[in-house]
Amino acid sequence: MTQRSDTLHCEVKFLKIVVLCVGVHSVVLGIIIYFFTGGFYRFLLGQPIADPFFVRQSGIFLFLAGLFYLFPLRNIHIYHHLIILTIVSKVCAVVFLATNAHLTPSPPMIVLTAAGDGSMAIALSILYLLSLKRGLLTTVP
């Protein structure tokens, strides 16, 4: 394998690492939100939770979304299109969090969360587009 070929495949390796990090982040966060709802809520918003039902529901959602985010890792050349949905999901999260932060007891924490989701969307977008542009995802190696 030539040095140029190794360099081109570097984008796909980094893409896989970012997909893995995004997926694991959501799975772990979902588990924490579901099983440690009160502590998580106090940490994030600085107050006790009144009704844990919808917060726990969001934990289940994040867990399942995380599993979905990880799916392209089964074979990134076949399932790479699913990464687009992960990017769209992260962008929607940023819009939701940014436009609703003022409704929470701790807007700065919500804005920080939006920044994290935005960073994930940007990293995924850059690596995905670079990999596509260089033709690294269009054929099975």
C-alpha atoms as a PDB file:
ATOM      1  CA  MET A   1       0.000   0.000   0.000  1.00  0.00           C
ATOM      2  CA  THR A   2       1.397   3.389  -0.934  1.00  0.00           C
ATOM      3  CA  GLN A   3       1.802   6.309   1.415  1.00  0.00           C
ATOM      4  CA  ARG A   4      -0.912   8.238  -0.492  1.00  0.00           C
ATOM      5  CA  SER A   5      -3.308   5.317  -0.093  1.00  0.00           C
ATOM      6  CA  ASP A   6      -2.567   5.109   3.633  1.00  0.00           C
ATOM      7  CA  THR A   7      -3.206   8.844   3.983  1.00  0.00           C
ATOM      8  CA  LEU A   8      -6.540   8.635   2.157  1.00  0.00           C
ATOM      9  CA  HIS A   9      -7.743   5.823   4.374  1.00  0.00           C
ATOM     10  CA  CYS A  10      -6.883   7.910   7.417  1.00  0.00           C
ATOM     11  CA  GLU A  11     -10.125   9.893   6.926  1.00  0.00           C
ATOM     12  CA  VAL A  12     -12.200   6.714   7.134  1.00  0.00           C
ATOM     13  CA  LYS A  13     -10.339   5.598  10.263  1.00  0.00           C
ATOM     14  CA  PHE A  14     -10.985   8.960  11.915  1.00  0.00           C
ATOM     15  CA  LEU A  15     -14.604   8.867  10.745  1.00  0.00           C
ATOM     16  CA  LYS A  16     -15.038   5.458  12.371  1.00  0.00           C
ATOM     17  CA  ILE A  17     -13.491   6.732  15.606  1.00  0.00           C
ATOM     18  CA  VAL A  18     -15.819   9.759  15.680  1.00  0.00           C
ATOM     19  CA  VAL A  19     -18.863   7.580  14.880  1.00  0.00           C
ATOM     20  CA  LEU A  20     -17.817   5.280  17.732  1.00  0.00           C
ATOM     21  CA  CYS A  21     -17.386   8.193  20.156  1.00  0.00           C
ATOM     22  CA  VAL A  22     -20.726   9.771  19.208  1.00  0.00           C
ATOM     23  CA  GLY A  23     -22.536   6.443  19.561  1.00  0.00           C
ATOM     24  CA  VAL A  24     -20.914   5.469  22.850  1.00  0.00           C
ATOM     25  CA  HIS A  25     -21.547   8.975  24.217  1.00  0.00           C
ATOM     26  CA  SER A  26     -25.276   8.638  23.529  1.00  0.00           C
ATOM     27  CA  VAL A  27     -25.506   5.067  24.842  1.00  0.00           C
ATOM     28  CA  VAL A  28     -23.684   5.929  28.084  1.00  0.00           C
ATOM     29  CA  LEU A  29     -25.568   9.187  28.558  1.00  0.00           C
ATOM     30  CA  GLY A  30     -28.858   7.373  27.985  1.00  0.00           C
ATOM     31  CA  ILE A  31     -27.978   4.785  30.625  1.00  0.00           C
ATOM     32  CA  ILE A  32     -26.941   7.484  33.109  1.00  0.00           C
ATOM     33  CA  ILE A  33     -30.109   9.505  32.512  1.00  0.00           C
ATOM     34  CA  TYR A  34     -32.335   6.449  32.890  1.00  0.00           C
ATOM     35  CA  PHE A  35     -30.737   4.847  35.935  1.00  0.00           C
ATOM     36  CA  PHE A  36     -29.465   7.966  37.729  1.00  0.00           C
ATOM     37  CA  THR A  37     -32.223  10.403  36.766  1.00  0.00           C
ATOM     38  CA  GLY A  38     -32.276  12.454  39.982  1.00  0.00           C
ATOM     39  CA  GLY A  39     -28.520  12.878  40.242  1.00  0.00           C
ATOM     40  CA  PHE A  40     -28.158  13.684  36.561  1.00  0.00           C
ATOM     41  CA  TYR A  41     -30.924  16.285  36.721  1.00  0.00           C
ATOM     42  CA  ARG A  42     -29.418  17.908  39.824  1.00  0.00           C
ATOM     43  CA  PHE A  43     -25.989  18.018  38.149  1.00  0.00           C
ATOM     44  CA  LEU A  44     -27.257  19.429  34.858  1.00  0.00           C
ATOM     45  CA  LEU A  45     -29.888  21.866  36.114  1.00  0.00           C
ATOM     46  CA  GLY A  46     -28.953  22.353  39.756  1.00  0.00           C
ATOM     47  CA  GLN A  47     -32.275  21.338  41.264  1.00  0.00           C
ATOM     48  CA  PRO A  48     -34.227  18.204  42.166  1.00  0.00           C
ATOM     49  CA  ILE A  49     -36.492  16.663  39.573  1.00  0.00           C
ATOM     50  CA  ALA A  50     -40.245  16.988  40.048  1.00  0.00           C
ATOM     51  CA  ASP A  51     -41.374  14.302  37.590  1.00  0.00           C
ATOM     52  CA  PRO A  52     -38.797  11.828  36.271  1.00  0.00           C
ATOM     53  CA  PHE A  53     -41.031  10.203  33.629  1.00  0.00           C
ATOM     54  CA  PHE A  54     -40.057  12.313  30.599  1.00  0.00           C
ATOM     55  CA  VAL A  55     -36.450  12.624  31.692  1.00  0.00           C
ATOM     56  CA  ARG A  56     -36.185   8.829  31.912  1.00  0.00           C
ATOM     57  CA  GLN A  57     -37.926   8.543  28.558  1.00  0.00           C
ATOM     58  CA  SER A  58     -35.234  10.763  27.060  1.00  0.00           C
ATOM     59  CA  GLY A  59     -32.654   8.391  28.551  1.00  0.00           C
ATOM     60  CA  ILE A  60     -34.193   5.464  26.690  1.00  0.00           C
ATOM     61  CA  PHE A  61     -34.328   7.559  23.515  1.00  0.00           C
ATOM     62  CA  LEU A  62     -30.645   8.498  23.807  1.00  0.00           C
ATOM     63  CA  PHE A  63     -29.679   4.877  24.447  1.00  0.00           C
ATOM     64  CA  LEU A  64     -31.523   3.699  21.331  1.00  0.00           C
ATOM     65  CA  ALA A  65     -30.230   6.619  19.249  1.00  0.00           C
ATOM     66  CA  GLY A  66     -26.706   5.709  20.327  1.00  0.00           C
ATOM     67  CA  LEU A  67     -27.179   2.138  19.136  1.00  0.00           C
ATOM     68  CA  PHE A  68     -28.427   3.531  15.820  1.00  0.00           C
ATOM     69  CA  TYR A  69     -25.402   5.828  15.564  1.00  0.00           C
ATOM     70  CA  LEU A  70     -23.113   2.808  16.006  1.00  0.00           C
ATOM     71  CA  PHE A  71     -24.754   0.752  13.244  1.00  0.00           C
ATOM     72  CA  PRO A  72     -22.592   2.068  10.356  1.00  0.00           C
ATOM     73  CA  LEU A  73     -19.569   0.547  12.092  1.00  0.00           C
ATOM     74  CA  ARG A  74     -20.819  -2.907  11.086  1.00  0.00           C
ATOM     75  CA  ASN A  75     -19.643  -2.051   7.563  1.00  0.00           C
ATOM     76  CA  ILE A  76     -19.008   1.613   6.933  1.00  0.00           C
ATOM     77  CA  HIS A  77     -18.851   1.099   3.155  1.00  0.00           C
ATOM     78  CA  ILE A  78     -22.379  -0.315   3.036  1.00  0.00           C
ATOM     79  CA  TYR A  79     -24.058   1.701   5.821  1.00  0.00           C
ATOM     80  CA  HIS A  80     -22.233   5.040   5.514  1.00  0.00           C
ATOM     81  CA  HIS A  81     -25.450   6.797   4.436  1.00  0.00           C
ATOM     82  CA  LEU A  82     -26.774   6.366   7.973  1.00  0.00           C
ATOM     83  CA  ILE A  83     -24.114   8.815   9.136  1.00  0.00           C
ATOM     84  CA  ILE A  84     -26.122  11.541   7.383  1.00  0.00           C
ATOM     85  CA  LEU A  85     -29.029  10.798   9.723  1.00  0.00           C
ATOM     86  CA  THR A  86     -26.695  11.010  12.706  1.00  0.00           C
ATOM     87  CA  ILE A  87     -25.528  14.429  11.524  1.00  0.00           C
ATOM     88  CA  VAL A  88     -29.138  15.580  10.993  1.00  0.00           C
ATOM     89  CA  SER A  89     -30.034  14.266  14.457  1.00  0.00           C
ATOM     90  CA  LYS A  90     -27.198  16.245  16.047  1.00  0.00           C
ATOM     91  CA  VAL A  91     -28.143  19.415  14.149  1.00  0.00           C
ATOM     92  CA  CYS A  92     -31.771  19.020  15.296  1.00  0.00           C
ATOM     93  CA  ALA A  93     -30.526  18.572  18.860  1.00  0.00           C
ATOM     94  CA  VAL A  94     -28.527  21.810  18.605  1.00  0.00           C
ATOM     95  CA  VAL A  95     -31.541  23.726  17.283  1.00  0.00           C
ATOM     96  CA  PHE A  96     -33.827  22.296  19.971  1.00  0.00           C
ATOM     97  CA  LEU A  97     -31.393  22.935  22.818  1.00  0.00           C
ATOM     98  CA  ALA A  98     -30.448  26.436  21.670  1.00  0.00           C
ATOM     99  CA  THR A  99     -34.042  27.560  21.175  1.00  0.00           C
ATOM    100  CA  ASN A 100     -35.328  26.046  24.418  1.00  0.00           C
ATOM    101  CA  ALA A 101     -32.444  26.664  26.840  1.00  0.00           C
ATOM    102  CA  HIS A 102     -34.242  29.691  28.281  1.00  0.00           C
ATOM    103  CA  LEU A 103     -37.066  27.409  29.477  1.00  0.00           C
ATOM    104  CA  THR A 104     -34.774  25.565  31.896  1.00  0.00           C
ATOM    105  CA  PRO A 105     -33.424  26.534  35.315  1.00  0.00           C
ATOM    106  CA  SER A 106     -29.854  26.462  33.942  1.00  0.00           C
ATOM    107  CA  PRO A 107     -29.628  27.845  30.389  1.00  0.00           C
ATOM    108  CA  PRO A 108     -25.788  27.877  30.338  1.00  0.00           C
ATOM    109  CA  MET A 109     -25.635  24.103  30.881  1.00  0.00           C
ATOM    110  CA  ILE A 110     -28.088  23.558  28.038  1.00  0.00           C
ATOM    111  CA  VAL A 111     -26.094  25.844  25.739  1.00  0.00           C
ATOM    112  CA  LEU A 112     -22.960  23.886  26.663  1.00  0.00           C
ATOM    113  CA  THR A 113     -24.793  20.681  25.751  1.00  0.00           C
ATOM    114  CA  ALA A 114     -25.796  22.241  22.418  1.00  0.00           C
ATOM    115  CA  ALA A 115     -22.153  23.145  21.780  1.00  0.00           C
ATOM    116  CA  GLY A 116     -21.163  19.521  22.411  1.00  0.00           C
ATOM    117  CA  ASP A 117     -23.762  18.221  19.974  1.00  0.00           C
ATOM    118  CA  GLY A 118     -22.727  20.866  17.456  1.00  0.00           C
ATOM    119  CA  SER A 119     -19.091  19.803  17.749  1.00  0.00           C
ATOM    120  CA  MET A 120     -20.068  16.201  17.093  1.00  0.00           C
ATOM    121  CA  ALA A 121     -22.097  17.236  14.025  1.00  0.00           C
ATOM    122  CA  ILE A 122     -19.216  19.307  12.653  1.00  0.00           C
ATOM    123  CA  ALA A 123     -16.627  16.563  13.189  1.00  0.00           C
ATOM    124  CA  LEU A 124     -18.868  13.959  11.557  1.00  0.00           C
ATOM    125  CA  SER A 125     -19.698  16.265   8.651  1.00  0.00           C
ATOM    126  CA  ILE A 126     -16.088  17.135   7.875  1.00  0.00           C
ATOM    127  CA  LEU A 127     -14.830  13.553   8.004  1.00  0.00           C
ATOM    128  CA  TYR A 128     -17.836  12.148   6.158  1.00  0.00           C
ATOM    129  CA  LEU A 129     -17.594  14.709   3.344  1.00  0.00           C
ATOM    130  CA  LEU A 130     -13.829  14.247   3.029  1.00  0.00           C
ATOM    131  CA  SER A 131     -14.270  10.483   2.828  1.00  0.00           C
ATOM    132  CA  LEU A 132     -16.996  10.832   0.196  1.00  0.00           C
ATOM    133  CA  LYS A 133     -15.059  13.410  -1.823  1.00  0.00           C
ATOM    134  CA  ARG A 134     -12.065  11.098  -1.991  1.00  0.00           C
ATOM    135  CA  GLY A 135     -14.210   8.128  -2.961  1.00  0.00           C
ATOM    136  CA  LEU A 136     -13.358   6.140   0.126  1.00  0.00           C
ATOM    137  CA  LEU A 137     -16.922   5.085   0.974  1.00  0.00           C
ATOM    138  CA  THR A 138     -18.326   4.279  -2.447  1.00  0.00           C
ATOM    139  CA  THR A 139     -16.845   0.813  -2.897  1.00  0.00           C
ATOM    140  CA  VAL A 140     -16.176  -2.123  -0.652  1.00  0.00           C
ATOM    141  CA  PRO A 141     -12.388  -2.430  -0.234  1.00  0.00           C
END
